[in-house]
Amino acid sequence: MKTISKITIGLATVTILFIGCVKTPSTVTEESLGLRKTDLYSEKAETHGDETKYAKTTAGSGHKFQRAFQDAPPMIPHDTEGMLPITINNNQCTSCHQPGVAESMGALPYPKSHMTDFRPATSLAADGRITKNGTSVDNTSGANLEHVSIKEMGSLAGARFNCTQCHAPQSDSPAPENTFEAAYTREDGASKSTWSGTKLMEGIDTTK
């Protein structure tokens, strides 16, 4: 009995010491989650976020933010007043960012990926069967990207006409603390894309 009691006391002591050494995770409050500094249930007079300070500089003269990660869509460093919304028949971005024009405008040309159509010809029959590029498929995707089509357009692909679908205007407003650090795969990754040339087709073995 004495041995069992000693073992029990010993285990209890170890447990207490272990619990005492475990670091209690810090609590994230609702007030710290967003730009507004009140709880999520309040709509009081003091409930407001920090002012959004979009760039007011003209195109070609704005300060460019670094890309958040390798191949991240670059942000828009200039005023977009009068340019939005973008439609397929009214896209003022292309007047400066179209390859062949961009350099003379001091703008970044949109890359080859924006002039490539990756969508296969797809149809849906009345019985629910899906056909892609003339082949009947059970699923709309595949592990080997076998249903991807790669068609070079020579101009902006229709799927890319809405620039602000990926590119957002820059704002100098304060933001919640972010400890993320980008690990670029290229030395110029903070300002350049790899979505061109052979890199664009990496991992895709089909061209239709």
C-alpha atoms as a PDB file:
ATOM      1  CA  MET A   1       0.000   0.000   0.000  1.00  0.00           C
ATOM      2  CA  LYS A   2       2.818   2.351   0.893  1.00  0.00           C
ATOM      3  CA  THR A   3       4.414   1.757  -2.533  1.00  0.00           C
ATOM      4  CA  ILE A   4       1.126   2.448  -4.334  1.00  0.00           C
ATOM      5  CA  SER A   5       0.618   5.626  -2.291  1.00  0.00           C
ATOM      6  CA  LYS A   6       4.121   6.830  -3.169  1.00  0.00           C
ATOM      7  CA  ILE A   7       3.491   6.140  -6.859  1.00  0.00           C
ATOM      8  CA  THR A   8       0.156   7.971  -6.736  1.00  0.00           C
ATOM      9  CA  ILE A   9       1.699  10.989  -5.007  1.00  0.00           C
ATOM     10  CA  GLY A  10       4.567  10.990  -7.499  1.00  0.00           C
ATOM     11  CA  LEU A  11       2.221  10.946 -10.511  1.00  0.00           C
ATOM     12  CA  ALA A  12       0.104  13.699  -8.997  1.00  0.00           C
ATOM     13  CA  THR A  13       3.190  15.859  -8.468  1.00  0.00           C
ATOM     14  CA  VAL A  14       4.409  15.322 -12.041  1.00  0.00           C
ATOM     15  CA  THR A  15       0.954  16.176 -13.377  1.00  0.00           C
ATOM     16  CA  ILE A  16       0.839  19.417 -11.378  1.00  0.00           C
ATOM     17  CA  LEU A  17       4.323  20.398 -12.539  1.00  0.00           C
ATOM     18  CA  PHE A  18       3.466  19.587 -16.179  1.00  0.00           C
ATOM     19  CA  ILE A  19       0.267  21.631 -16.088  1.00  0.00           C
ATOM     20  CA  GLY A  20       2.149  24.503 -14.522  1.00  0.00           C
ATOM     21  CA  CYS A  21       4.690  24.488 -17.370  1.00  0.00           C
ATOM     22  CA  VAL A  22       2.135  24.453 -20.180  1.00  0.00           C
ATOM     23  CA  LYS A  23       1.821  27.929 -21.697  1.00  0.00           C
ATOM     24  CA  THR A  24      -1.727  29.191 -21.720  1.00  0.00           C
ATOM     25  CA  PRO A  25      -2.601  30.444 -25.236  1.00  0.00           C
ATOM     26  CA  SER A  26      -3.283  34.156 -25.448  1.00  0.00           C
ATOM     27  CA  THR A  27      -6.865  35.185 -26.119  1.00  0.00           C
ATOM     28  CA  VAL A  28      -7.702  37.014 -29.347  1.00  0.00           C
ATOM     29  CA  THR A  29     -10.385  39.573 -28.617  1.00  0.00           C
ATOM     30  CA  GLU A  30     -13.102  40.579 -31.040  1.00  0.00           C
ATOM     31  CA  GLU A  31     -11.918  44.165 -30.784  1.00  0.00           C
ATOM     32  CA  SER A  32      -8.528  43.217 -32.247  1.00  0.00           C
ATOM     33  CA  LEU A  33      -9.767  41.269 -35.262  1.00  0.00           C
ATOM     34  CA  GLY A  34     -10.561  44.030 -37.725  1.00  0.00           C
ATOM     35  CA  LEU A  35     -10.061  47.684 -38.507  1.00  0.00           C
ATOM     36  CA  ARG A  36     -12.900  48.661 -36.191  1.00  0.00           C
ATOM     37  CA  LYS A  37     -11.872  48.673 -32.543  1.00  0.00           C
ATOM     38  CA  THR A  38     -15.179  47.783 -30.899  1.00  0.00           C
ATOM     39  CA  ASP A  39     -16.855  44.401 -30.493  1.00  0.00           C
ATOM     40  CA  LEU A  40     -18.685  42.853 -33.416  1.00  0.00           C
ATOM     41  CA  TYR A  41     -22.109  43.422 -31.901  1.00  0.00           C
ATOM     42  CA  SER A  42     -21.897  47.190 -31.421  1.00  0.00           C
ATOM     43  CA  GLU A  43     -23.054  49.839 -33.831  1.00  0.00           C
ATOM     44  CA  LYS A  44     -22.415  52.788 -31.534  1.00  0.00           C
ATOM     45  CA  ALA A  45     -21.218  56.227 -32.541  1.00  0.00           C
ATOM     46  CA  GLU A  46     -17.645  55.263 -31.697  1.00  0.00           C
ATOM     47  CA  THR A  47     -17.803  52.214 -33.945  1.00  0.00           C
ATOM     48  CA  HIS A  48     -15.751  53.086 -36.991  1.00  0.00           C
ATOM     49  CA  GLY A  49     -12.767  51.774 -38.875  1.00  0.00           C
ATOM     50  CA  ASP A  50      -9.638  53.543 -39.963  1.00  0.00           C
ATOM     51  CA  GLU A  51      -9.999  55.743 -43.008  1.00  0.00           C
ATOM     52  CA  THR A  52      -9.225  54.030 -46.298  1.00  0.00           C
ATOM     53  CA  LYS A  53      -6.549  56.097 -48.029  1.00  0.00           C
ATOM     54  CA  TYR A  54      -6.467  55.076 -51.652  1.00  0.00           C
ATOM     55  CA  ALA A  55      -3.725  56.520 -53.841  1.00  0.00           C
ATOM     56  CA  LYS A  56      -4.606  59.809 -55.532  1.00  0.00           C
ATOM     57  CA  THR A  57      -1.566  59.895 -57.789  1.00  0.00           C
ATOM     58  CA  THR A  58      -1.947  59.789 -61.547  1.00  0.00           C
ATOM     59  CA  ALA A  59      -1.124  56.647 -63.494  1.00  0.00           C
ATOM     60  CA  GLY A  60       2.624  56.164 -63.849  1.00  0.00           C
ATOM     61  CA  SER A  61       3.592  58.266 -60.839  1.00  0.00           C
ATOM     62  CA  GLY A  62       2.455  56.166 -57.871  1.00  0.00           C
ATOM     63  CA  HIS A  63       4.582  54.372 -55.288  1.00  0.00           C
ATOM     64  CA  LYS A  64       4.308  50.608 -55.813  1.00  0.00           C
ATOM     65  CA  PHE A  65       3.837  48.209 -52.911  1.00  0.00           C
ATOM     66  CA  GLN A  66       5.872  45.001 -52.963  1.00  0.00           C
ATOM     67  CA  ARG A  67       3.951  41.887 -53.951  1.00  0.00           C
ATOM     68  CA  ALA A  68       2.650  39.976 -50.948  1.00  0.00           C
ATOM     69  CA  PHE A  69       4.174  36.720 -52.231  1.00  0.00           C
ATOM     70  CA  GLN A  70       5.744  35.295 -55.389  1.00  0.00           C
ATOM     71  CA  ASP A  71       3.422  35.850 -58.365  1.00  0.00           C
ATOM     72  CA  ALA A  72       0.831  37.698 -56.277  1.00  0.00           C
ATOM     73  CA  PRO A  73      -1.259  40.025 -58.465  1.00  0.00           C
ATOM     74  CA  PRO A  74       0.372  43.482 -58.156  1.00  0.00           C
ATOM     75  CA  MET A  75      -1.763  46.140 -56.515  1.00  0.00           C
ATOM     76  CA  ILE A  76      -2.906  49.278 -58.344  1.00  0.00           C
ATOM     77  CA  PRO A  77      -0.641  52.173 -57.284  1.00  0.00           C
ATOM     78  CA  HIS A  78      -2.617  55.005 -58.849  1.00  0.00           C
ATOM     79  CA  ASP A  79      -6.020  56.658 -58.696  1.00  0.00           C
ATOM     80  CA  THR A  80      -8.800  54.612 -60.332  1.00  0.00           C
ATOM     81  CA  GLU A  81     -11.406  57.389 -60.325  1.00  0.00           C
ATOM     82  CA  GLY A  82     -13.499  57.114 -63.487  1.00  0.00           C
ATOM     83  CA  MET A  83     -11.977  53.754 -64.460  1.00  0.00           C
ATOM     84  CA  LEU A  84     -14.391  51.542 -62.546  1.00  0.00           C
ATOM     85  CA  PRO A  85     -16.444  49.482 -62.983  1.00  0.00           C
ATOM     86  CA  ILE A  86     -14.625  47.596 -65.730  1.00  0.00           C
ATOM     87  CA  THR A  87     -16.732  45.916 -68.387  1.00  0.00           C
ATOM     88  CA  ILE A  88     -15.734  43.706 -71.291  1.00  0.00           C
ATOM     89  CA  ASN A  89     -16.474  46.620 -73.648  1.00  0.00           C
ATOM     90  CA  ASN A  90     -14.966  49.371 -71.486  1.00  0.00           C
ATOM     91  CA  ASN A  91     -11.588  48.571 -69.979  1.00  0.00           C
ATOM     92  CA  GLN A  92      -9.340  51.610 -69.582  1.00  0.00           C
ATOM     93  CA  CYS A  93      -6.578  49.499 -67.985  1.00  0.00           C
ATOM     94  CA  THR A  94      -5.651  47.977 -71.340  1.00  0.00           C
ATOM     95  CA  SER A  95      -4.960  51.391 -72.871  1.00  0.00           C
ATOM     96  CA  CYS A  96      -1.769  51.572 -70.774  1.00  0.00           C
ATOM     97  CA  HIS A  97      -1.005  47.985 -69.759  1.00  0.00           C
ATOM     98  CA  GLN A  98      -1.312  46.297 -73.150  1.00  0.00           C
ATOM     99  CA  PRO A  99       2.038  44.812 -74.273  1.00  0.00           C
ATOM    100  CA  GLY A 100       3.618  46.982 -76.937  1.00  0.00           C
ATOM    101  CA  VAL A 101       2.104  50.096 -75.385  1.00  0.00           C
ATOM    102  CA  ALA A 102       2.971  49.693 -71.716  1.00  0.00           C
ATOM    103  CA  GLU A 103       6.684  50.489 -71.995  1.00  0.00           C
ATOM    104  CA  SER A 104       6.087  53.855 -73.628  1.00  0.00           C
ATOM    105  CA  MET A 105       3.467  54.634 -70.957  1.00  0.00           C
ATOM    106  CA  GLY A 106       5.775  53.654 -68.084  1.00  0.00           C
ATOM    107  CA  ALA A 107       3.319  50.900 -67.122  1.00  0.00           C
ATOM    108  CA  LEU A 108       3.691  47.202 -66.376  1.00  0.00           C
ATOM    109  CA  PRO A 109       2.432  45.127 -69.338  1.00  0.00           C
ATOM    110  CA  TYR A 110       0.054  42.336 -68.531  1.00  0.00           C
ATOM    111  CA  PRO A 111       1.853  38.973 -68.882  1.00  0.00           C
ATOM    112  CA  LYS A 112       1.463  36.160 -71.374  1.00  0.00           C
ATOM    113  CA  SER A 113      -0.809  34.320 -68.941  1.00  0.00           C
ATOM    114  CA  HIS A 114      -3.409  37.048 -69.526  1.00  0.00           C
ATOM    115  CA  MET A 115      -3.312  36.307 -73.254  1.00  0.00           C
ATOM    116  CA  THR A 116      -3.799  32.569 -72.803  1.00  0.00           C
ATOM    117  CA  ASP A 117      -7.125  30.775 -72.578  1.00  0.00           C
ATOM    118  CA  PHE A 118      -6.976  27.724 -70.300  1.00  0.00           C
ATOM    119  CA  ARG A 119     -10.649  26.837 -70.517  1.00  0.00           C
ATOM    120  CA  PRO A 120     -11.656  23.693 -72.425  1.00  0.00           C
ATOM    121  CA  ALA A 121     -14.679  23.715 -74.692  1.00  0.00           C
ATOM    122  CA  THR A 122     -17.352  22.471 -72.277  1.00  0.00           C
ATOM    123  CA  SER A 123     -20.960  21.431 -72.794  1.00  0.00           C
ATOM    124  CA  LEU A 124     -23.647  19.926 -70.585  1.00  0.00           C
ATOM    125  CA  ALA A 125     -26.133  17.490 -72.120  1.00  0.00           C
ATOM    126  CA  ALA A 126     -29.768  17.135 -71.075  1.00  0.00           C
ATOM    127  CA  ASP A 127     -28.950  13.890 -69.275  1.00  0.00           C
ATOM    128  CA  GLY A 128     -26.309  15.647 -67.174  1.00  0.00           C
ATOM    129  CA  ARG A 129     -23.273  14.320 -69.032  1.00  0.00           C
ATOM    130  CA  ILE A 130     -20.358  16.737 -69.269  1.00  0.00           C
ATOM    131  CA  THR A 131     -18.230  16.955 -72.390  1.00  0.00           C
ATOM    132  CA  LYS A 132     -14.845  18.682 -72.447  1.00  0.00           C
ATOM    133  CA  ASN A 133     -12.935  19.122 -75.690  1.00  0.00           C
ATOM    134  CA  GLY A 134     -15.131  16.441 -77.246  1.00  0.00           C
ATOM    135  CA  THR A 135     -14.507  13.893 -74.479  1.00  0.00           C
ATOM    136  CA  SER A 136     -17.234  12.784 -72.095  1.00  0.00           C
ATOM    137  CA  VAL A 137     -16.053  13.152 -68.486  1.00  0.00           C
ATOM    138  CA  ASP A 138     -17.452  12.193 -65.101  1.00  0.00           C
ATOM    139  CA  ASN A 139     -15.877  15.111 -63.294  1.00  0.00           C
ATOM    140  CA  THR A 140     -15.055  18.668 -64.257  1.00  0.00           C
ATOM    141  CA  SER A 141     -11.471  18.427 -63.035  1.00  0.00           C
ATOM    142  CA  GLY A 142      -8.647  15.925 -63.022  1.00  0.00           C
ATOM    143  CA  ALA A 143      -5.537  15.294 -60.969  1.00  0.00           C
ATOM    144  CA  ASN A 144      -3.306  15.554 -64.040  1.00  0.00           C
ATOM    145  CA  LEU A 145      -5.017  18.653 -65.462  1.00  0.00           C
ATOM    146  CA  GLU A 146      -5.911  16.545 -68.470  1.00  0.00           C
ATOM    147  CA  HIS A 147      -8.943  18.692 -69.239  1.00  0.00           C
ATOM    148  CA  VAL A 148      -6.988  21.933 -69.421  1.00  0.00           C
ATOM    149  CA  SER A 149      -6.748  23.613 -72.790  1.00  0.00           C
ATOM    150  CA  ILE A 150      -3.945  26.011 -73.616  1.00  0.00           C
ATOM    151  CA  LYS A 151      -4.812  28.407 -76.404  1.00  0.00           C
ATOM    152  CA  GLU A 152      -2.647  31.462 -77.035  1.00  0.00           C
ATOM    153  CA  MET A 153      -4.945  34.330 -77.944  1.00  0.00           C
ATOM    154  CA  GLY A 154      -2.542  37.081 -79.004  1.00  0.00           C
ATOM    155  CA  SER A 155      -4.703  39.538 -77.079  1.00  0.00           C
ATOM    156  CA  LEU A 156      -6.337  39.791 -73.664  1.00  0.00           C
ATOM    157  CA  ALA A 157      -8.285  36.579 -72.960  1.00  0.00           C
ATOM    158  CA  GLY A 158     -11.966  37.052 -72.220  1.00  0.00           C
ATOM    159  CA  ALA A 159     -11.606  35.453 -68.777  1.00  0.00           C
ATOM    160  CA  ARG A 160      -9.129  38.203 -67.828  1.00  0.00           C
ATOM    161  CA  PHE A 161     -11.094  41.306 -68.784  1.00  0.00           C
ATOM    162  CA  ASN A 162     -12.109  42.147 -65.202  1.00  0.00           C
ATOM    163  CA  CYS A 163      -8.789  43.448 -63.850  1.00  0.00           C
ATOM    164  CA  THR A 164     -10.107  44.288 -60.380  1.00  0.00           C
ATOM    165  CA  GLN A 165     -11.124  40.670 -59.907  1.00  0.00           C
ATOM    166  CA  CYS A 166      -7.495  40.145 -58.818  1.00  0.00           C
ATOM    167  CA  HIS A 167      -5.881  43.588 -58.689  1.00  0.00           C
ATOM    168  CA  ALA A 168      -6.968  45.884 -55.856  1.00  0.00           C
ATOM    169  CA  PRO A 169      -6.150  49.576 -55.350  1.00  0.00           C
ATOM    170  CA  GLN A 170      -3.440  50.262 -52.780  1.00  0.00           C
ATOM    171  CA  SER A 171      -4.343  51.942 -49.509  1.00  0.00           C
ATOM    172  CA  ASP A 172      -1.965  53.455 -46.945  1.00  0.00           C
ATOM    173  CA  SER A 173      -4.481  52.836 -44.173  1.00  0.00           C
ATOM    174  CA  PRO A 174      -3.327  51.126 -40.966  1.00  0.00           C
ATOM    175  CA  ALA A 175      -4.002  47.394 -40.955  1.00  0.00           C
ATOM    176  CA  PRO A 176      -4.117  44.699 -38.270  1.00  0.00           C
ATOM    177  CA  GLU A 177      -0.682  43.388 -37.339  1.00  0.00           C
ATOM    178  CA  ASN A 178       0.564  40.850 -39.850  1.00  0.00           C
ATOM    179  CA  THR A 179       3.674  38.762 -39.153  1.00  0.00           C
ATOM    180  CA  PHE A 180       3.636  37.006 -42.540  1.00  0.00           C
ATOM    181  CA  GLU A 181       6.979  37.191 -44.353  1.00  0.00           C
ATOM    182  CA  ALA A 182       7.128  36.548 -48.065  1.00  0.00           C
ATOM    183  CA  ALA A 183       9.632  33.967 -49.323  1.00  0.00           C
ATOM    184  CA  TYR A 184      10.121  34.891 -52.963  1.00  0.00           C
ATOM    185  CA  THR A 185      11.386  32.197 -55.330  1.00  0.00           C
ATOM    186  CA  ARG A 186      13.246  34.781 -57.415  1.00  0.00           C
ATOM    187  CA  GLU A 187      15.403  37.733 -56.456  1.00  0.00           C
ATOM    188  CA  ASP A 188      13.002  40.092 -58.229  1.00  0.00           C
ATOM    189  CA  GLY A 189       9.916  38.303 -56.897  1.00  0.00           C
ATOM    190  CA  ALA A 190       8.728  41.385 -55.007  1.00  0.00           C
ATOM    191  CA  SER A 191       8.107  43.159 -58.300  1.00  0.00           C
ATOM    192  CA  LYS A 192       8.156  40.572 -61.089  1.00  0.00           C
ATOM    193  CA  SER A 193       5.999  37.620 -62.103  1.00  0.00           C
ATOM    194  CA  THR A 194       7.180  34.193 -63.268  1.00  0.00           C
ATOM    195  CA  TRP A 195       3.972  33.569 -65.212  1.00  0.00           C
ATOM    196  CA  SER A 196       5.573  33.651 -68.622  1.00  0.00           C
ATOM    197  CA  GLY A 197       7.476  31.401 -71.029  1.00  0.00           C
ATOM    198  CA  THR A 198       8.034  27.792 -70.014  1.00  0.00           C
ATOM    199  CA  LYS A 199       7.176  28.589 -66.382  1.00  0.00           C
ATOM    200  CA  LEU A 200       3.605  29.304 -67.443  1.00  0.00           C
ATOM    201  CA  MET A 201       3.191  25.740 -68.737  1.00  0.00           C
ATOM    202  CA  GLU A 202       5.049  24.009 -65.894  1.00  0.00           C
ATOM    203  CA  GLY A 203       3.195  20.881 -64.757  1.00  0.00           C
ATOM    204  CA  ILE A 204       0.764  20.996 -67.669  1.00  0.00           C
ATOM    205  CA  ASP A 205       1.432  18.430 -70.392  1.00  0.00           C
ATOM    206  CA  THR A 206      -1.496  19.105 -72.679  1.00  0.00           C
ATOM    207  CA  THR A 207      -1.944  21.643 -75.437  1.00  0.00           C
ATOM    208  CA  LYS A 208      -5.196  21.581 -77.350  1.00  0.00           C
END
